[in-house]
Protein backbone atom coordinates (compact mmCIF):
# COMPACT_ATOMS: atom_id res chain seq x y z
CA UNK A 1 -52.45 28.25 36.85
CA UNK A 2 -53.89 30.57 39.46
CA UNK A 3 -57.56 29.67 39.93
CA UNK A 4 -58.70 31.84 42.85
CA UNK A 5 -57.33 34.57 45.11
CA UNK A 6 -59.03 35.63 48.35
CA UNK A 7 -58.10 38.57 50.58
CA UNK A 8 -59.53 39.44 53.99
CA UNK A 9 -58.54 42.61 55.87
CA UNK A 10 -55.84 43.21 53.24
CA UNK A 11 -55.83 45.88 50.54
CA UNK A 12 -58.48 48.45 49.63
CA UNK A 13 -61.53 46.33 50.50
CA UNK A 14 -62.47 44.45 53.70
CA UNK A 15 -62.82 41.28 51.62
CA UNK A 16 -62.14 40.47 47.98
CA UNK A 17 -62.15 37.33 45.84
CA UNK A 18 -60.77 36.87 42.35
CA UNK A 19 -61.92 33.82 40.35
CA UNK A 20 -59.61 33.57 37.37
CA UNK A 21 -59.88 31.96 33.97
CA UNK A 22 -57.11 29.76 32.53
CA UNK A 23 -56.00 32.01 29.64
CA UNK A 24 -56.70 35.76 29.72
CA UNK A 25 -57.73 37.90 32.72
CA UNK A 26 -57.91 41.68 32.34
CA UNK A 27 -58.32 43.92 35.41
CA UNK A 28 -59.61 47.47 34.90
CA UNK A 29 -60.58 50.27 37.25
CA UNK A 30 -59.70 53.78 38.36
CA UNK A 31 -56.30 54.69 39.80
CA UNK A 32 -55.71 53.72 43.41
CA UNK A 33 -58.27 50.91 43.67
CA UNK A 34 -55.78 48.05 43.89
CA UNK A 35 -54.96 46.67 40.42
CA UNK A 36 -51.19 46.66 41.00
CA UNK A 37 -51.71 45.37 44.54
CA UNK A 38 -53.70 42.38 43.27
CA UNK A 39 -50.87 41.48 40.89
CA UNK A 40 -48.32 41.67 43.72
CA UNK A 41 -50.50 39.38 45.84
CA UNK A 42 -50.85 37.01 42.88
CA UNK A 43 -47.05 36.89 42.58
CA UNK A 44 -46.77 36.12 46.29
CA UNK A 45 -49.40 33.39 46.00
CA UNK A 46 -47.46 31.72 43.20
CA UNK A 47 -43.96 32.12 44.67
CA UNK A 48 -44.47 32.78 48.41
CA UNK A 49 -42.12 35.79 48.25
CA UNK A 50 -42.78 39.53 47.95
CA UNK A 51 -40.85 41.15 45.08
CA UNK A 52 -39.28 43.92 47.17
CA UNK A 53 -38.10 41.45 49.79
CA UNK A 54 -35.90 39.94 47.06
CA UNK A 55 -34.76 43.26 45.62
CA UNK A 56 -34.92 46.48 47.69
CA UNK A 57 -34.21 48.54 44.56
CA UNK A 58 -37.82 48.10 43.46
CA UNK A 59 -40.26 50.97 43.92
CA UNK A 60 -43.19 48.51 44.08
CA UNK A 61 -43.88 44.98 45.29
CA UNK A 62 -43.87 45.78 49.01
CA UNK A 63 -45.19 43.09 51.38
CA UNK A 64 -48.91 43.34 52.05
CA UNK A 65 -50.03 44.40 55.51
CA UNK A 66 -53.40 44.14 57.26
CA UNK A 67 -55.69 47.11 56.84
CA UNK A 68 -56.54 46.84 60.55
CA UNK A 69 -53.70 45.20 62.47
CA UNK A 70 -56.05 44.50 65.39
CA UNK A 71 -58.21 42.24 63.22
CA UNK A 72 -57.33 38.86 61.62
CA UNK A 73 -55.93 39.09 58.10
CA UNK A 74 -55.91 36.26 55.59
CA UNK A 75 -54.58 35.50 52.13
CA UNK A 76 -55.97 32.37 50.53
CA UNK A 77 -55.45 31.03 47.04
CA UNK A 78 -56.11 28.03 44.84
CA UNK A 79 -53.89 26.97 41.98
CA UNK A 80 -53.41 24.20 39.47
CA UNK A 81 -49.90 22.85 39.83
CA UNK A 82 -47.67 22.12 36.87
CA UNK A 83 -48.46 18.45 37.51
CA UNK A 84 -52.18 19.15 37.01
CA UNK A 85 -53.25 18.93 40.67
CA UNK A 86 -55.48 21.51 42.35
CA UNK A 87 -54.09 22.88 45.64
CA UNK A 88 -55.37 25.42 48.19
CA UNK A 89 -53.16 27.40 50.55
CA UNK A 90 -54.08 29.78 53.35
CA UNK A 91 -51.82 32.21 55.16
CA UNK A 92 -52.58 34.45 58.13
CA UNK A 93 -50.69 37.52 59.26
CA UNK A 94 -48.67 37.42 62.46
CA UNK A 95 -48.41 40.96 63.83
CA UNK A 96 -45.79 39.86 66.35
CA UNK A 97 -43.55 38.37 63.63
CA UNK A 98 -44.51 41.01 61.03
CA UNK A 99 -44.91 38.26 58.44
CA UNK A 100 -47.35 35.92 56.74
CA UNK A 101 -47.38 32.40 58.14
CA UNK A 102 -48.57 29.18 56.59
CA UNK A 103 -47.55 25.72 55.49
CA UNK A 104 -43.73 25.44 55.30
CA UNK A 105 -41.83 24.02 52.36
CA UNK A 106 -41.32 24.76 48.72
CA UNK A 107 -44.26 26.43 46.92
CA UNK A 108 -46.29 24.13 44.71
CA UNK A 109 -44.99 24.62 41.20
CA UNK A 110 -47.47 26.57 39.04
CA UNK A 111 -44.95 26.53 36.18
CA UNK A 112 -42.82 29.46 35.05
CA UNK A 113 -44.02 32.82 36.48
CA UNK A 114 -43.06 36.19 34.94
CA UNK A 115 -44.21 39.45 36.52
CA UNK A 116 -43.79 42.64 34.46
CA UNK A 117 -43.85 45.67 36.76
CA UNK A 118 -45.23 49.02 35.65
CA UNK A 119 -41.85 50.76 36.05
CA UNK A 120 -40.04 48.41 33.65
CA UNK A 121 -38.74 45.95 36.25
CA UNK A 122 -39.45 42.22 36.13
CA UNK A 123 -39.73 39.30 38.53
CA UNK A 124 -39.20 35.69 37.45
CA UNK A 125 -39.85 32.46 39.35
CA UNK A 126 -38.53 29.34 37.70
CA UNK A 127 -39.53 25.89 39.06
CA UNK A 128 -36.22 24.46 37.80
CA UNK A 129 -34.00 27.14 39.37
CA UNK A 130 -35.87 28.76 42.28
CA UNK A 131 -36.59 25.91 44.66
CA UNK A 132 -35.64 24.48 48.01
CA UNK A 133 -35.70 21.00 49.43
CA UNK A 134 -36.32 19.42 52.79
CA UNK A 135 -33.58 17.65 54.71
CA UNK A 136 -35.34 15.74 57.46
CA UNK A 137 -37.72 18.29 58.97
CA UNK A 138 -35.67 21.29 57.87
CA UNK A 139 -36.23 23.39 54.73
CA UNK A 140 -32.90 23.81 52.94
CA UNK A 141 -33.01 26.50 50.30
CA UNK A 142 -30.13 25.79 47.95
CA UNK A 143 -31.27 28.02 45.08
CA UNK A 144 -32.29 31.65 44.80
CA UNK A 145 -35.96 32.14 45.76
CA UNK A 146 -36.56 34.21 42.62
CA UNK A 147 -35.05 36.65 40.15
CA UNK A 148 -36.27 40.19 40.75
CA UNK A 149 -34.95 42.92 38.45
CA UNK A 150 -35.10 46.68 38.88
CA UNK A 151 -35.58 48.50 35.54
CA UNK A 152 -31.83 49.15 35.34
CA UNK A 153 -30.92 45.53 36.09
CA UNK A 154 -33.03 44.29 33.18
CA UNK A 155 -30.47 46.05 30.97
CA UNK A 156 -27.20 45.70 32.90
CA UNK A 157 -27.67 42.36 34.64
CA UNK A 158 -28.53 40.95 38.06
CA UNK A 159 -25.88 40.21 40.71
CA UNK A 160 -26.62 38.07 43.74
CA UNK A 161 -24.63 36.36 46.47
CA UNK A 162 -24.55 32.56 46.14
CA UNK A 163 -22.60 30.59 48.74
CA UNK A 164 -21.26 33.94 49.99
CA UNK A 165 -19.79 34.66 46.55
CA UNK A 166 -20.94 37.54 44.33
CA UNK A 167 -22.46 35.97 41.25
CA UNK A 168 -23.94 37.44 38.07
CA UNK A 169 -27.10 35.40 37.71
CA UNK A 170 -28.26 37.29 34.61
CA UNK A 171 -26.16 39.34 32.22
CA UNK A 172 -28.97 41.64 31.09
CA UNK A 173 -30.16 42.89 27.70
CA UNK A 174 -26.95 44.65 26.64
CA UNK A 175 -24.50 41.79 27.27
CA UNK A 176 -26.75 38.83 26.55
CA UNK A 177 -28.28 40.15 23.33
CA UNK A 178 -24.86 41.20 22.02
CA UNK A 179 -23.52 37.70 22.73
CA UNK A 180 -26.54 36.07 21.10
CA UNK A 181 -26.07 38.18 17.96
CA UNK A 182 -22.38 37.26 17.74
CA UNK A 183 -23.13 33.57 18.28
CA UNK A 184 -25.97 33.69 15.73
CA UNK A 185 -27.65 30.77 17.48
CA UNK A 186 -31.10 29.85 18.75
CA UNK A 187 -31.48 32.74 21.19
CA UNK A 188 -30.45 35.25 18.52
CA UNK A 189 -33.19 33.91 16.28
CA UNK A 190 -35.70 33.86 19.14
CA UNK A 191 -34.94 37.43 20.17
CA UNK A 192 -35.23 38.74 16.61
CA UNK A 193 -38.52 36.90 16.15
CA UNK A 194 -40.02 38.06 19.46
CA UNK A 195 -38.98 41.70 18.93
CA UNK A 196 -40.44 41.60 15.43
CA UNK A 197 -43.65 39.97 16.61
CA UNK A 198 -44.19 42.38 19.50
CA UNK A 199 -44.14 45.40 17.19
CA UNK A 200 -47.10 46.51 15.11
CA UNK A 201 -47.96 45.64 11.55
CA UNK A 202 -46.29 48.09 9.19
CA UNK A 203 -43.77 49.21 11.83
CA UNK A 204 -41.61 46.15 12.48
CA UNK A 205 -38.42 46.43 14.52
CA UNK A 206 -35.56 44.54 12.95
CA UNK A 207 -32.23 43.73 14.54
CA UNK A 208 -29.37 45.90 13.31
CA UNK A 209 -25.61 45.61 13.65
CA UNK A 210 -23.64 45.82 16.88
CA UNK A 211 -22.37 49.31 17.69
CA UNK A 212 -19.88 51.05 19.99
CA UNK A 213 -20.99 54.26 21.70
CA UNK A 214 -17.47 55.71 21.97
CA UNK A 215 -13.82 54.85 21.40
CA UNK A 216 -13.34 54.55 25.16
CA UNK A 217 -16.23 52.14 25.74
CA UNK A 218 -15.52 48.53 24.70
CA UNK A 219 -19.10 47.35 25.20
CA UNK A 220 -21.01 46.27 22.11
CA UNK A 221 -24.54 47.65 21.92
CA UNK A 222 -27.29 45.99 19.86
CA UNK A 223 -29.15 48.24 17.46
CA UNK A 224 -32.48 48.18 15.66
CA UNK A 225 -33.39 49.14 12.12
CA UNK A 226 -36.22 51.63 11.76
CA UNK A 227 -37.85 53.57 8.94
CA UNK A 228 -35.45 56.46 9.53
CA UNK A 229 -32.21 54.65 10.38
CA UNK A 230 -30.55 51.29 9.74
CA UNK A 231 -28.87 51.25 13.18
CA UNK A 232 -30.36 52.96 16.26
CA UNK A 233 -28.54 51.91 19.48
CA UNK A 234 -31.15 50.37 21.74
CA UNK A 235 -30.04 52.63 24.61
CA UNK A 236 -31.15 55.60 22.44
CA UNK A 237 -34.51 54.09 21.51
CA UNK A 238 -37.82 55.52 22.75
CA UNK A 239 -39.42 54.49 26.04
CA UNK A 240 -41.93 52.33 24.16
CA UNK A 241 -39.26 50.55 22.13
CA UNK A 242 -37.12 49.96 25.23
CA UNK A 243 -40.14 48.53 27.02
CA UNK A 244 -40.80 46.17 24.09
CA UNK A 245 -37.12 45.15 23.97
CA UNK A 246 -37.02 44.61 27.74
CA UNK A 247 -40.17 42.50 27.53
CA UNK A 248 -38.83 40.48 24.60
CA UNK A 249 -35.57 39.84 26.43
CA UNK A 250 -37.21 38.74 29.68
CA UNK A 251 -39.51 36.32 27.86
CA UNK A 252 -36.65 34.81 25.84
CA UNK A 253 -34.19 34.73 28.76
CA UNK A 254 -36.72 33.28 31.23
CA UNK A 255 -37.87 30.50 28.92
CA UNK A 256 -34.45 29.57 27.49
CA UNK A 257 -32.79 29.51 30.93
CA UNK A 258 -35.66 27.44 32.29
CA UNK A 259 -35.29 24.88 29.51
CA UNK A 260 -31.54 24.71 30.08
CA UNK A 261 -31.92 24.33 33.86
CA UNK A 262 -34.58 21.63 33.46
CA UNK A 263 -32.20 19.64 31.25
CA UNK A 264 -29.31 20.04 33.71
CA UNK A 265 -31.22 18.74 36.72
CA UNK A 266 -33.21 16.13 34.81
CA UNK A 267 -36.75 17.41 35.21
CA UNK A 268 -39.39 18.04 32.59
CA UNK A 269 -39.89 21.50 31.12
CA UNK A 270 -42.78 23.46 32.66
CA UNK A 271 -46.16 22.80 31.13
CA UNK A 272 -47.54 26.14 32.33
CA UNK A 273 -46.47 29.78 32.09
CA UNK A 274 -48.18 32.51 34.14
CA UNK A 275 -47.67 36.13 33.05
CA UNK A 276 -48.55 39.00 35.41
CA UNK A 277 -48.52 42.39 33.67
CA UNK A 278 -49.02 45.70 35.43
CA UNK A 279 -50.06 48.55 33.12
CA UNK A 280 -49.65 46.42 30.04
CA UNK A 281 -50.26 49.49 27.86
CA UNK A 282 -47.61 51.70 29.54
CA UNK A 283 -45.54 53.86 27.15
CA UNK A 284 -47.17 52.33 24.09
CA UNK A 285 -48.60 54.26 21.14
CA UNK A 286 -52.27 53.44 20.43
CA UNK A 287 -51.22 51.32 17.44
CA UNK A 288 -49.12 49.19 19.79
CA UNK A 289 -51.74 49.14 22.54
CA UNK A 290 -54.22 47.42 20.29
CA UNK A 291 -51.69 44.71 19.41
CA UNK A 292 -49.92 43.97 22.70
CA UNK A 293 -52.24 41.38 24.34
CA UNK A 294 -52.87 39.10 21.34
CA UNK A 295 -49.18 39.38 20.45
CA UNK A 296 -47.92 38.34 23.91
CA UNK A 297 -50.11 35.24 23.82
CA UNK A 298 -48.84 34.44 20.33
CA UNK A 299 -45.20 35.00 21.33
CA UNK A 300 -45.41 32.63 24.29
CA UNK A 301 -47.09 29.99 22.16
CA UNK A 302 -44.17 30.20 19.72
CA UNK A 303 -41.50 30.22 22.43
CA UNK A 304 -42.94 27.10 24.05
CA UNK A 305 -43.78 25.45 20.70
CA UNK A 306 -47.38 25.32 21.86
CA UNK A 307 -46.50 22.77 24.53
CA UNK A 308 -47.23 24.97 27.59
CA UNK A 309 -50.49 26.49 28.70
CA UNK A 310 -50.25 30.27 29.12
CA UNK A 311 -52.25 32.33 31.60
CA UNK A 312 -52.07 36.13 31.30
CA UNK A 313 -53.31 38.33 34.16
CA UNK A 314 -52.97 42.01 33.26
CA UNK A 315 -54.02 45.40 34.59
CA UNK A 316 -54.91 48.08 32.05
CA UNK A 317 -56.40 51.54 31.69
CA UNK A 318 -56.60 51.34 27.91
CA UNK A 319 -59.89 50.99 25.99
CA UNK A 320 -57.75 50.06 22.99
CA UNK A 321 -56.50 46.99 24.85
CA UNK A 322 -60.08 45.86 25.43
CA UNK A 323 -61.06 46.61 21.84
CA UNK A 324 -58.06 44.60 20.64
CA UNK A 325 -59.16 41.39 22.36
CA UNK A 326 -62.70 41.39 20.96
CA UNK A 327 -61.82 39.02 18.07
CA UNK A 328 -59.99 36.68 20.46
CA UNK A 329 -62.09 36.72 23.64
CA UNK A 330 -63.39 33.31 24.68
CA UNK A 331 -65.76 33.36 27.64
CA UNK A 332 -64.77 29.80 28.58
CA UNK A 333 -61.09 30.79 28.94
CA UNK A 334 -61.06 34.57 29.45
CA UNK A 335 -62.50 37.07 31.93
CA UNK A 336 -62.82 40.83 32.43
CA UNK A 337 -62.75 42.33 35.94
CA UNK A 338 -63.57 45.87 37.06
CA UNK A 339 -62.66 47.60 40.33
CA UNK A 340 -65.12 50.28 41.36
CA UNK A 341 -66.25 52.25 44.41
CA UNK A 342 -69.83 51.85 45.58
CA UNK A 343 -71.08 53.48 48.77
CA UNK A 344 -67.54 54.20 49.89
CA UNK A 345 -66.35 50.62 49.41
CA UNK A 346 -64.09 49.11 46.76
CA UNK A 347 -65.80 46.28 44.88
CA UNK A 348 -64.38 43.84 42.36
CA UNK A 349 -66.88 42.79 39.68
CA UNK A 350 -66.78 40.23 36.92
CA UNK A 351 -67.95 42.13 33.86
CA UNK A 352 -70.19 40.10 31.52
CA UNK A 353 -68.35 40.16 28.23
CA UNK A 354 -69.98 42.29 25.55
CA UNK A 355 -68.06 43.50 22.51
CA UNK A 356 -68.39 47.28 22.19
CA UNK A 357 -67.27 47.55 18.59
CA UNK A 358 -64.90 50.48 18.93
CA UNK A 359 -62.84 52.47 21.41
CA UNK A 360 -65.42 55.24 21.85
CA UNK A 361 -68.02 52.74 22.99
CA UNK A 362 -65.53 51.21 25.44
CA UNK A 363 -64.82 54.68 26.88
CA UNK A 364 -68.49 55.29 27.67
CA UNK A 365 -69.13 51.72 28.84
CA UNK A 366 -69.44 50.82 32.52
CA UNK A 367 -65.82 49.64 32.46
CA UNK A 368 -64.40 53.14 31.99
CA UNK A 369 -67.43 55.18 32.97
CA UNK A 370 -66.96 58.32 30.88
CA UNK A 371 -70.22 60.01 29.99
CA UNK A 372 -68.71 61.31 26.75
CA UNK A 373 -65.53 60.56 24.83
CA UNK A 374 -64.66 64.26 24.64
CA UNK A 375 -62.79 66.85 26.66
CA UNK A 376 -64.21 67.94 30.02
CA UNK A 377 -64.99 71.37 28.53
CA UNK A 378 -66.81 69.85 25.57
CA UNK A 379 -68.82 67.60 27.87
CA UNK A 380 -69.90 70.61 29.96
CA UNK A 381 -70.85 72.61 26.87
CA UNK A 382 -72.93 69.76 25.44
CA UNK A 383 -74.64 69.26 28.81
CA UNK A 384 -75.55 72.95 28.81
CA UNK A 385 -76.82 72.74 25.21
CA UNK A 386 -78.93 69.70 25.95
CA UNK A 387 -80.42 71.37 29.04
CA UNK A 388 -81.22 74.43 26.92
CA UNK A 389 -82.98 72.26 24.31
CA UNK A 390 -85.09 70.74 27.10
CA UNK A 391 -85.83 74.15 28.59
CA UNK A 392 -83.98 73.29 31.81
CA UNK A 393 -81.21 75.89 32.00
CA UNK A 394 -81.50 76.68 35.72
CA UNK A 395 -78.68 74.25 36.56
CA UNK A 396 -76.37 75.53 33.84
CA UNK A 397 -73.46 77.81 34.74
CA UNK A 398 -74.56 81.45 34.53
CA UNK A 399 -72.44 82.03 31.45
CA UNK A 400 -74.12 79.13 29.60
CA UNK A 401 -77.83 79.88 29.95
CA UNK A 402 -78.39 81.76 26.71
CA UNK A 403 -78.35 80.24 23.25
CA UNK A 404 -75.67 82.53 21.84
CA UNK A 405 -73.30 81.95 24.78
CA UNK A 406 -73.76 78.21 24.47
CA UNK A 407 -73.19 78.40 20.71
CA UNK A 408 -69.93 80.31 21.14
CA UNK A 409 -68.71 77.77 23.70
CA UNK A 410 -69.60 74.88 21.41
CA UNK A 411 -67.64 76.53 18.62
CA UNK A 412 -64.66 76.87 20.95
CA UNK A 413 -64.57 73.31 22.26
CA UNK A 414 -66.08 71.09 19.54
CA UNK A 415 -64.57 70.02 16.23
CA UNK A 416 -66.46 71.11 13.14
CA UNK A 417 -67.37 67.52 12.32
CA UNK A 418 -68.55 66.62 15.83
CA UNK A 419 -71.78 64.56 15.59
CA UNK A 420 -73.51 66.84 18.14
CA UNK A 421 -73.59 69.80 15.73
CA UNK A 422 -76.60 68.67 13.62
CA UNK A 423 -78.80 68.30 16.71
CA UNK A 424 -77.82 71.72 18.01
CA UNK A 425 -78.22 73.49 14.66
CA UNK A 426 -81.62 71.93 14.00
CA UNK A 427 -82.74 72.95 17.49
CA UNK A 428 -81.62 76.56 16.95
CA UNK A 429 -83.34 76.72 13.59
CA UNK A 430 -86.59 75.44 15.01
CA UNK A 431 -86.46 77.96 17.84
CA UNK A 432 -85.71 80.72 15.33
CA UNK A 433 -88.69 79.77 13.18
CA UNK A 434 -90.98 79.55 16.20
CA UNK A 435 -91.72 75.85 15.83
């Protein structure tokens, strides 16, 4: 598991440190403050490779660079290896070599690492498949350093050169899932279970029959059963459903291939799984947003038969995601982080956990920082009304300094059942009666 991540002269802040918990770590904050960057650095810390170095088709995962190339830059991290040992690694940036330098050799195994990118791509590091060995004093890398998928390659497969031969190292959702369905074996059952589990209560996705898209295309396409159809080709599914299917496939493929590889080379199956999720709520309807985090933890527990510890580090903008973890949050195993700007500097804070009760309270909490859970126009109108009730209208816009103008604007921007209406109406009545 990743225990600590330190950055100096790298990223949006001069220095930053992330002390992580062993199960759930949620990172929140405004756009552009470094949530995705922290996940990329976490991937590098666990695998010692940058995602885009392994697949130039990615639109993210670029190598980190010093903020000021004239000053020393450092990445330092601490992890618990799959063997249960605590290890610390430090790397400095060499401007001359344009690379990060540090202790040579194979990365310490943190277990299986799966990085879900915001655009639908994935990166996988498998301690049984992505390793290299030392021959004398020379590092000999005789396996791929990682599997990094663009969004398209998740579906159509990943091709890489091995021993100067083009090799399909992963067949992708369309081919693999079709084969699993025809074989009706363990992976078929796993995939159906994971897809069903990842969907929301009352709206389960069930596996349908294999389809052909045209008479000229011999490829079989898996389908799903929905409330409106018994066979929707997965290539025609919504963005949210495709994201769920892609996620389900990568979890099943990564774990099943790891187990198979571990058996082939005679090593034990990983006792740890680390999941890095960027924009974990992306494309998802609110009903799915409030289910995704607890469900992912449950899915991995089922896939591993409860025999592997699972650490989830996820970035989110969704108050529903935070509301969804309230019944599950354990302060001894989980942590909430918030990126913010104070005095022109990006700061990373550990947020003391406090259940907010509902999404509206999360929106106006310090984590999201909205003053009101309404439209901008409604917020301005209520501010003007409150200033009027206090007799402080001088700061109001000129068109919102009189009671009637404010009333008309409130009627335009507020719902009839908005809880602000009673206060405003009582105030107007009192003013009208001269109280």
